[in-house]
Amino acid sequence: MTQYEQVHTIWDLYDGVRTGIADLNGAPHYFACLYDEGVDDYSDNFKLYPVSPAFMQRAMRNWAIYRAWERRFCSGKADLTTHPGHGGINVEYDQLKTWLDDQVANLPARPTLYRAHFRELPGQEDLPSGMLLDLEVAWSPSPG
């Protein structure tokens, strides 16, 4: 039986989920999809990195700021120029992102590569059109 776990944040999307934070065996991990230079595309393999409670606290605050903006944007109440990721829009977001980026650069990876199967959680029909849906993920060790 496949066990799905919580996806806490999604930081990068490009033809699929690429980075974010999700649970593995009930513990939060930063995840990053590996890029395959040989085929000039993303692979199916992800590296997972355990994160600390302090990392999670800051990551969730950063995510809350982004999601509040995303809801306003997808509802037509904000334009793209107000995106907090543009820098200089939200000081707290900028400080959190800088701290998180510094931490990500130094996280120790788990030795195993994983494959991910993401799926949308039910009951999100009331979200504004275009808003990223909450997901869950099932991880499996990569065969190679």
N, C-alpha and C. Protein backbone atom coordinates (compact mmCIF):
# COMPACT_ATOMS: atom_id res chain seq x y z
N MET A 1 0.84 -1.18 0.00
CA MET A 1 0.00 0.00 0.00
C MET A 1 0.88 1.25 0.00
N THR A 2 0.55 2.18 -0.85
CA THR A 2 1.31 3.42 -0.96
C THR A 2 0.95 4.35 0.18
N GLN A 3 1.97 4.88 0.84
CA GLN A 3 1.75 5.82 1.94
C GLN A 3 2.02 7.24 1.44
N TYR A 4 1.01 8.09 1.49
CA TYR A 4 1.17 9.49 1.12
C TYR A 4 1.44 10.32 2.36
N GLU A 5 2.27 11.34 2.16
CA GLU A 5 2.64 12.21 3.26
C GLU A 5 2.44 13.67 2.86
N GLN A 6 2.46 14.52 3.85
CA GLN A 6 2.16 15.94 3.66
C GLN A 6 3.25 16.66 2.88
N VAL A 7 2.82 17.47 1.92
CA VAL A 7 3.70 18.44 1.26
C VAL A 7 3.42 19.77 1.96
N HIS A 8 4.45 20.32 2.59
CA HIS A 8 4.29 21.57 3.35
C HIS A 8 4.40 22.80 2.47
N THR A 9 5.37 22.80 1.57
CA THR A 9 5.59 23.94 0.67
C THR A 9 6.01 23.43 -0.69
N ILE A 10 5.78 24.25 -1.69
CA ILE A 10 6.33 24.02 -3.02
C ILE A 10 7.00 25.32 -3.42
N TRP A 11 8.29 25.25 -3.62
CA TRP A 11 9.03 26.47 -3.93
C TRP A 11 9.28 26.64 -5.42
N ASP A 12 9.47 25.56 -6.12
CA ASP A 12 9.74 25.66 -7.57
C ASP A 12 8.87 24.68 -8.33
N LEU A 13 8.27 25.19 -9.40
CA LEU A 13 7.50 24.39 -10.35
C LEU A 13 8.07 24.65 -11.73
N TYR A 14 8.36 23.62 -12.45
CA TYR A 14 8.74 23.74 -13.85
C TYR A 14 8.47 22.39 -14.49
N ASP A 15 7.37 22.29 -15.22
CA ASP A 15 6.93 21.00 -15.76
C ASP A 15 6.81 19.97 -14.65
N GLY A 16 6.38 20.40 -13.50
CA GLY A 16 6.22 19.53 -12.34
C GLY A 16 6.82 20.16 -11.11
N VAL A 17 6.60 19.54 -9.99
CA VAL A 17 7.14 20.02 -8.71
C VAL A 17 8.64 19.75 -8.69
N ARG A 18 9.43 20.77 -8.34
CA ARG A 18 10.89 20.62 -8.36
C ARG A 18 11.54 20.77 -7.00
N THR A 19 11.10 21.72 -6.19
CA THR A 19 11.65 21.87 -4.84
C THR A 19 10.54 22.25 -3.86
N GLY A 20 10.80 21.97 -2.59
CA GLY A 20 9.85 22.33 -1.55
C GLY A 20 10.19 21.58 -0.28
N ILE A 21 9.19 21.42 0.57
CA ILE A 21 9.35 20.69 1.82
C ILE A 21 8.19 19.71 1.93
N ALA A 22 8.51 18.47 2.23
CA ALA A 22 7.50 17.44 2.43
C ALA A 22 8.01 16.46 3.47
N ASP A 23 7.08 15.74 4.05
CA ASP A 23 7.46 14.72 5.03
C ASP A 23 7.97 13.46 4.34
N LEU A 24 8.93 12.84 4.99
CA LEU A 24 9.39 11.49 4.66
C LEU A 24 9.37 10.73 5.97
N ASN A 25 8.59 9.68 6.05
CA ASN A 25 8.43 8.92 7.30
C ASN A 25 8.03 9.83 8.47
N GLY A 26 7.18 10.82 8.16
CA GLY A 26 6.65 11.69 9.19
C GLY A 26 7.53 12.86 9.60
N ALA A 27 8.72 12.97 9.02
CA ALA A 27 9.65 14.06 9.37
C ALA A 27 9.84 14.99 8.17
N PRO A 28 9.86 16.31 8.39
CA PRO A 28 9.99 17.24 7.27
C PRO A 28 11.38 17.20 6.63
N HIS A 29 11.38 17.26 5.30
CA HIS A 29 12.60 17.26 4.50
C HIS A 29 12.46 18.28 3.38
N TYR A 30 13.52 19.02 3.13
CA TYR A 30 13.61 19.81 1.91
C TYR A 30 13.85 18.80 0.79
N PHE A 31 13.19 18.98 -0.34
CA PHE A 31 13.42 18.10 -1.48
C PHE A 31 13.79 18.90 -2.71
N ALA A 32 14.62 18.30 -3.56
CA ALA A 32 15.04 18.96 -4.79
C ALA A 32 15.16 17.91 -5.90
N CYS A 33 14.48 18.18 -6.99
CA CYS A 33 14.54 17.31 -8.16
C CYS A 33 15.90 17.50 -8.83
N LEU A 34 16.52 16.40 -9.23
CA LEU A 34 17.83 16.48 -9.87
C LEU A 34 17.70 16.76 -11.36
N TYR A 35 18.60 17.59 -11.85
CA TYR A 35 18.63 17.91 -13.28
C TYR A 35 19.62 16.98 -13.96
N ASP A 36 19.22 16.39 -15.06
CA ASP A 36 20.07 15.46 -15.81
C ASP A 36 20.67 16.20 -17.00
N GLU A 37 21.95 16.57 -16.88
CA GLU A 37 22.64 17.30 -17.95
C GLU A 37 22.68 16.50 -19.25
N GLY A 38 22.75 15.16 -19.15
CA GLY A 38 22.84 14.31 -20.33
C GLY A 38 21.63 14.42 -21.24
N VAL A 39 20.47 14.61 -20.66
CA VAL A 39 19.24 14.74 -21.46
C VAL A 39 18.70 16.17 -21.44
N ASP A 40 19.41 17.06 -20.74
CA ASP A 40 19.03 18.47 -20.65
C ASP A 40 17.58 18.62 -20.16
N ASP A 41 17.27 17.89 -19.09
CA ASP A 41 15.93 17.94 -18.53
C ASP A 41 15.99 17.43 -17.08
N TYR A 42 14.92 17.67 -16.36
CA TYR A 42 14.84 17.15 -15.00
C TYR A 42 14.66 15.64 -15.03
N SER A 43 15.26 14.97 -14.05
CA SER A 43 15.12 13.52 -13.93
C SER A 43 13.91 13.22 -13.05
N ASP A 44 13.69 11.96 -12.79
CA ASP A 44 12.64 11.54 -11.86
C ASP A 44 13.18 11.41 -10.44
N ASN A 45 14.45 11.71 -10.25
CA ASN A 45 15.10 11.52 -8.95
C ASN A 45 15.12 12.80 -8.12
N PHE A 46 14.89 12.61 -6.83
CA PHE A 46 14.91 13.71 -5.87
C PHE A 46 15.91 13.39 -4.78
N LYS A 47 16.62 14.43 -4.34
CA LYS A 47 17.41 14.35 -3.11
C LYS A 47 16.55 14.93 -2.00
N LEU A 48 16.64 14.30 -0.84
CA LEU A 48 15.90 14.76 0.33
C LEU A 48 16.88 15.11 1.43
N TYR A 49 16.57 16.19 2.15
CA TYR A 49 17.45 16.75 3.17
C TYR A 49 16.62 17.00 4.43
N PRO A 50 16.92 16.31 5.54
CA PRO A 50 16.18 16.59 6.78
C PRO A 50 16.37 18.05 7.19
N VAL A 51 15.32 18.63 7.76
CA VAL A 51 15.39 20.03 8.19
C VAL A 51 15.04 20.14 9.67
N SER A 52 15.54 21.19 10.29
CA SER A 52 15.35 21.42 11.72
C SER A 52 14.00 22.10 11.99
N PRO A 53 13.56 22.08 13.25
CA PRO A 53 12.35 22.83 13.61
C PRO A 53 12.46 24.33 13.29
N ALA A 54 13.64 24.91 13.50
CA ALA A 54 13.82 26.34 13.18
C ALA A 54 13.65 26.58 11.68
N PHE A 55 14.18 25.68 10.87
CA PHE A 55 14.03 25.78 9.41
C PHE A 55 12.54 25.71 9.06
N MET A 56 11.84 24.74 9.63
CA MET A 56 10.41 24.58 9.34
C MET A 56 9.61 25.80 9.75
N GLN A 57 9.92 26.35 10.91
CA GLN A 57 9.17 27.52 11.38
C GLN A 57 9.31 28.67 10.39
N ARG A 58 10.52 28.94 9.97
CA ARG A 58 10.75 30.03 9.03
C ARG A 58 10.18 29.72 7.65
N ALA A 59 10.32 28.46 7.23
CA ALA A 59 9.79 28.07 5.91
C ALA A 59 8.27 28.22 5.87
N MET A 60 7.61 27.85 6.95
CA MET A 60 6.15 27.94 6.96
C MET A 60 5.68 29.39 7.01
N ARG A 61 6.42 30.25 7.68
CA ARG A 61 6.06 31.68 7.69
C ARG A 61 6.27 32.26 6.29
N ASN A 62 7.38 31.91 5.65
CA ASN A 62 7.66 32.35 4.28
C ASN A 62 6.55 31.88 3.34
N TRP A 63 6.14 30.63 3.49
CA TRP A 63 5.08 30.05 2.66
C TRP A 63 3.75 30.76 2.90
N ALA A 64 3.45 31.09 4.14
CA ALA A 64 2.20 31.79 4.46
C ALA A 64 2.15 33.16 3.79
N ILE A 65 3.26 33.86 3.78
CA ILE A 65 3.31 35.17 3.12
C ILE A 65 3.05 35.00 1.62
N TYR A 66 3.72 34.02 1.02
CA TYR A 66 3.52 33.78 -0.41
C TYR A 66 2.08 33.37 -0.71
N ARG A 67 1.52 32.43 0.07
CA ARG A 67 0.17 31.94 -0.20
C ARG A 67 -0.88 33.04 -0.05
N ALA A 68 -0.69 33.95 0.90
CA ALA A 68 -1.61 35.07 1.05
C ALA A 68 -1.57 35.95 -0.20
N TRP A 69 -0.34 36.21 -0.70
CA TRP A 69 -0.22 36.98 -1.94
C TRP A 69 -0.85 36.21 -3.10
N GLU A 70 -0.58 34.91 -3.21
CA GLU A 70 -1.10 34.10 -4.31
C GLU A 70 -2.63 34.14 -4.35
N ARG A 71 -3.26 34.06 -3.19
CA ARG A 71 -4.73 34.13 -3.12
C ARG A 71 -5.23 35.49 -3.63
N ARG A 72 -4.56 36.56 -3.19
CA ARG A 72 -4.95 37.90 -3.68
C ARG A 72 -4.75 38.00 -5.19
N PHE A 73 -3.62 37.50 -5.68
CA PHE A 73 -3.31 37.57 -7.12
C PHE A 73 -4.33 36.78 -7.93
N CYS A 74 -4.60 35.55 -7.53
CA CYS A 74 -5.53 34.70 -8.29
C CYS A 74 -6.97 35.16 -8.17
N SER A 75 -7.26 36.01 -7.18
CA SER A 75 -8.59 36.60 -7.02
C SER A 75 -8.70 37.94 -7.74
N GLY A 76 -7.62 38.38 -8.38
CA GLY A 76 -7.64 39.64 -9.11
C GLY A 76 -7.46 40.86 -8.23
N LYS A 77 -7.00 40.66 -6.99
CA LYS A 77 -6.85 41.78 -6.06
C LYS A 77 -5.41 42.27 -5.94
N ALA A 78 -4.49 41.63 -6.66
CA ALA A 78 -3.08 42.05 -6.67
C ALA A 78 -2.51 41.73 -8.04
N ASP A 79 -1.53 42.50 -8.45
CA ASP A 79 -0.91 42.19 -9.74
C ASP A 79 0.47 41.58 -9.52
N LEU A 80 1.04 41.07 -10.61
CA LEU A 80 2.30 40.33 -10.53
C LEU A 80 3.44 41.17 -9.97
N THR A 81 3.38 42.48 -10.13
CA THR A 81 4.46 43.33 -9.64
C THR A 81 4.56 43.31 -8.11
N THR A 82 3.51 42.83 -7.44
CA THR A 82 3.51 42.79 -5.97
C THR A 82 3.97 41.44 -5.42
N HIS A 83 4.41 40.53 -6.29
CA HIS A 83 4.88 39.20 -5.86
C HIS A 83 6.02 39.38 -4.85
N PRO A 84 5.92 38.76 -3.66
CA PRO A 84 6.95 38.98 -2.64
C PRO A 84 8.32 38.46 -3.06
N GLY A 85 8.38 37.51 -3.98
CA GLY A 85 9.66 36.97 -4.43
C GLY A 85 10.45 37.91 -5.32
N HIS A 86 9.86 39.03 -5.72
CA HIS A 86 10.59 40.00 -6.55
C HIS A 86 11.62 40.78 -5.74
N GLY A 87 11.54 40.71 -4.44
CA GLY A 87 12.50 41.44 -3.60
C GLY A 87 12.07 42.87 -3.38
N GLY A 88 12.21 43.33 -2.16
CA GLY A 88 11.87 44.71 -1.84
C GLY A 88 10.38 44.94 -1.68
N ILE A 89 9.57 43.91 -1.78
CA ILE A 89 8.12 44.04 -1.65
C ILE A 89 7.69 43.79 -0.20
N ASN A 90 8.29 42.78 0.42
CA ASN A 90 7.95 42.38 1.78
C ASN A 90 9.26 42.07 2.51
N VAL A 91 9.63 42.93 3.43
CA VAL A 91 10.91 42.80 4.13
C VAL A 91 11.02 41.47 4.86
N GLU A 92 9.96 41.06 5.54
CA GLU A 92 10.00 39.80 6.27
C GLU A 92 10.23 38.63 5.32
N TYR A 93 9.53 38.62 4.20
CA TYR A 93 9.70 37.56 3.20
C TYR A 93 11.16 37.53 2.71
N ASP A 94 11.70 38.69 2.40
CA ASP A 94 13.09 38.77 1.92
C ASP A 94 14.07 38.21 2.96
N GLN A 95 13.88 38.58 4.22
CA GLN A 95 14.77 38.09 5.28
C GLN A 95 14.66 36.58 5.45
N LEU A 96 13.43 36.08 5.43
CA LEU A 96 13.22 34.63 5.55
C LEU A 96 13.84 33.89 4.38
N LYS A 97 13.63 34.40 3.17
CA LYS A 97 14.16 33.73 1.98
C LYS A 97 15.68 33.68 2.01
N THR A 98 16.31 34.77 2.41
CA THR A 98 17.76 34.80 2.50
C THR A 98 18.26 33.76 3.51
N TRP A 99 17.63 33.72 4.67
CA TRP A 99 18.02 32.76 5.69
C TRP A 99 17.82 31.33 5.19
N LEU A 100 16.66 31.05 4.59
CA LEU A 100 16.36 29.71 4.10
C LEU A 100 17.32 29.29 2.99
N ASP A 101 17.61 30.20 2.06
CA ASP A 101 18.54 29.88 0.97
C ASP A 101 19.92 29.53 1.53
N ASP A 102 20.38 30.28 2.53
CA ASP A 102 21.67 29.99 3.16
C ASP A 102 21.66 28.61 3.81
N GLN A 103 20.56 28.27 4.46
CA GLN A 103 20.45 26.97 5.13
C GLN A 103 20.42 25.83 4.11
N VAL A 104 19.64 25.99 3.05
CA VAL A 104 19.52 24.95 2.02
C VAL A 104 20.89 24.61 1.45
N ALA A 105 21.72 25.61 1.26
CA ALA A 105 23.05 25.39 0.68
C ALA A 105 23.92 24.49 1.56
N ASN A 106 23.57 24.36 2.84
CA ASN A 106 24.40 23.58 3.76
C ASN A 106 23.70 22.36 4.36
N LEU A 107 22.53 22.01 3.85
CA LEU A 107 21.83 20.85 4.38
C LEU A 107 22.50 19.55 3.93
N PRO A 108 22.65 18.58 4.84
CA PRO A 108 23.20 17.28 4.44
C PRO A 108 22.10 16.42 3.82
N ALA A 109 22.37 15.86 2.65
CA ALA A 109 21.38 15.05 1.93
C ALA A 109 21.33 13.63 2.50
N ARG A 110 20.17 13.03 2.43
CA ARG A 110 20.04 11.60 2.71
C ARG A 110 20.78 10.85 1.62
N PRO A 111 21.36 9.69 1.91
CA PRO A 111 22.16 8.98 0.91
C PRO A 111 21.34 8.36 -0.23
N THR A 112 20.06 8.15 0.01
CA THR A 112 19.21 7.51 -1.00
C THR A 112 18.52 8.55 -1.87
N LEU A 113 18.45 8.30 -3.17
CA LEU A 113 17.63 9.12 -4.05
C LEU A 113 16.21 8.56 -4.02
N TYR A 114 15.23 9.43 -4.24
CA TYR A 114 13.83 9.03 -4.18
C TYR A 114 13.11 9.47 -5.45
N ARG A 115 12.04 8.77 -5.74
CA ARG A 115 11.07 9.17 -6.75
C ARG A 115 9.83 9.63 -6.02
N ALA A 116 9.11 10.55 -6.63
CA ALA A 116 7.94 11.14 -5.98
C ALA A 116 6.70 10.92 -6.84
N HIS A 117 5.60 10.66 -6.16
CA HIS A 117 4.30 10.67 -6.82
C HIS A 117 3.46 11.68 -6.05
N PHE A 118 3.25 12.84 -6.68
CA PHE A 118 2.45 13.90 -6.07
C PHE A 118 1.00 13.75 -6.50
N ARG A 119 0.10 14.08 -5.58
CA ARG A 119 -1.32 14.12 -5.96
C ARG A 119 -2.00 15.24 -5.17
N GLU A 120 -3.05 15.78 -5.78
CA GLU A 120 -3.81 16.87 -5.17
C GLU A 120 -4.68 16.33 -4.04
N LEU A 121 -4.79 17.12 -3.00
CA LEU A 121 -5.71 16.79 -1.92
C LEU A 121 -7.13 17.15 -2.33
N PRO A 122 -8.12 16.39 -1.91
CA PRO A 122 -9.50 16.72 -2.25
C PRO A 122 -9.99 17.94 -1.46
N GLY A 123 -11.12 18.48 -1.90
CA GLY A 123 -11.80 19.54 -1.16
C GLY A 123 -11.23 20.93 -1.34
N GLN A 124 -10.65 21.21 -2.50
CA GLN A 124 -10.05 22.52 -2.73
C GLN A 124 -10.78 23.30 -3.83
N GLU A 125 -12.01 22.91 -4.09
CA GLU A 125 -12.78 23.51 -5.18
C GLU A 125 -13.02 25.01 -4.98
N ASP A 126 -12.98 25.48 -3.74
CA ASP A 126 -13.26 26.88 -3.45
C ASP A 126 -12.06 27.80 -3.63
N LEU A 127 -10.89 27.24 -3.95
CA LEU A 127 -9.72 28.10 -4.17
C LEU A 127 -9.88 28.88 -5.46
N PRO A 128 -9.34 30.09 -5.51
CA PRO A 128 -9.41 30.86 -6.75
C PRO A 128 -8.75 30.12 -7.91
N SER A 129 -9.28 30.30 -9.08
CA SER A 129 -8.73 29.66 -10.28
C SER A 129 -7.26 30.06 -10.46
N GLY A 130 -6.42 29.07 -10.73
CA GLY A 130 -5.00 29.32 -10.96
C GLY A 130 -4.15 29.18 -9.72
N MET A 131 -4.77 29.07 -8.56
CA MET A 131 -4.00 28.94 -7.32
C MET A 131 -3.49 27.51 -7.19
N LEU A 132 -2.25 27.39 -6.74
CA LEU A 132 -1.63 26.09 -6.54
C LEU A 132 -2.42 25.29 -5.50
N LEU A 133 -2.77 24.06 -5.87
CA LEU A 133 -3.51 23.21 -4.94
C LEU A 133 -2.56 22.55 -3.95
N ASP A 134 -3.07 22.28 -2.75
CA ASP A 134 -2.29 21.55 -1.76
C ASP A 134 -2.11 20.12 -2.25
N LEU A 135 -0.92 19.57 -2.00
CA LEU A 135 -0.57 18.25 -2.47
C LEU A 135 -0.14 17.34 -1.34
N GLU A 136 -0.06 16.07 -1.64
CA GLU A 136 0.61 15.10 -0.80
C GLU A 136 1.51 14.28 -1.73
N VAL A 137 2.45 13.56 -1.11
CA VAL A 137 3.46 12.85 -1.91
C VAL A 137 3.69 11.46 -1.34
N ALA A 138 3.95 10.54 -2.24
CA ALA A 138 4.43 9.21 -1.87
C ALA A 138 5.84 9.08 -2.39
N TRP A 139 6.79 8.81 -1.51
CA TRP A 139 8.18 8.65 -1.86
C TRP A 139 8.52 7.16 -2.02
N SER A 140 9.35 6.86 -2.99
CA SER A 140 9.88 5.50 -3.12
C SER A 140 11.37 5.60 -3.47
N PRO A 141 12.18 4.71 -2.93
CA PRO A 141 13.60 4.73 -3.27
C PRO A 141 13.79 4.57 -4.77
N SER A 142 14.68 5.37 -5.32
CA SER A 142 14.95 5.32 -6.76
C SER A 142 15.82 4.10 -7.08
N PRO A 143 15.49 3.41 -8.16
CA PRO A 143 16.31 2.26 -8.52
C PRO A 143 17.69 2.62 -9.08
N GLY A 144 17.88 3.91 -9.39
CA GLY A 144 19.19 4.25 -9.95
C GLY A 144 19.46 5.66 -10.09
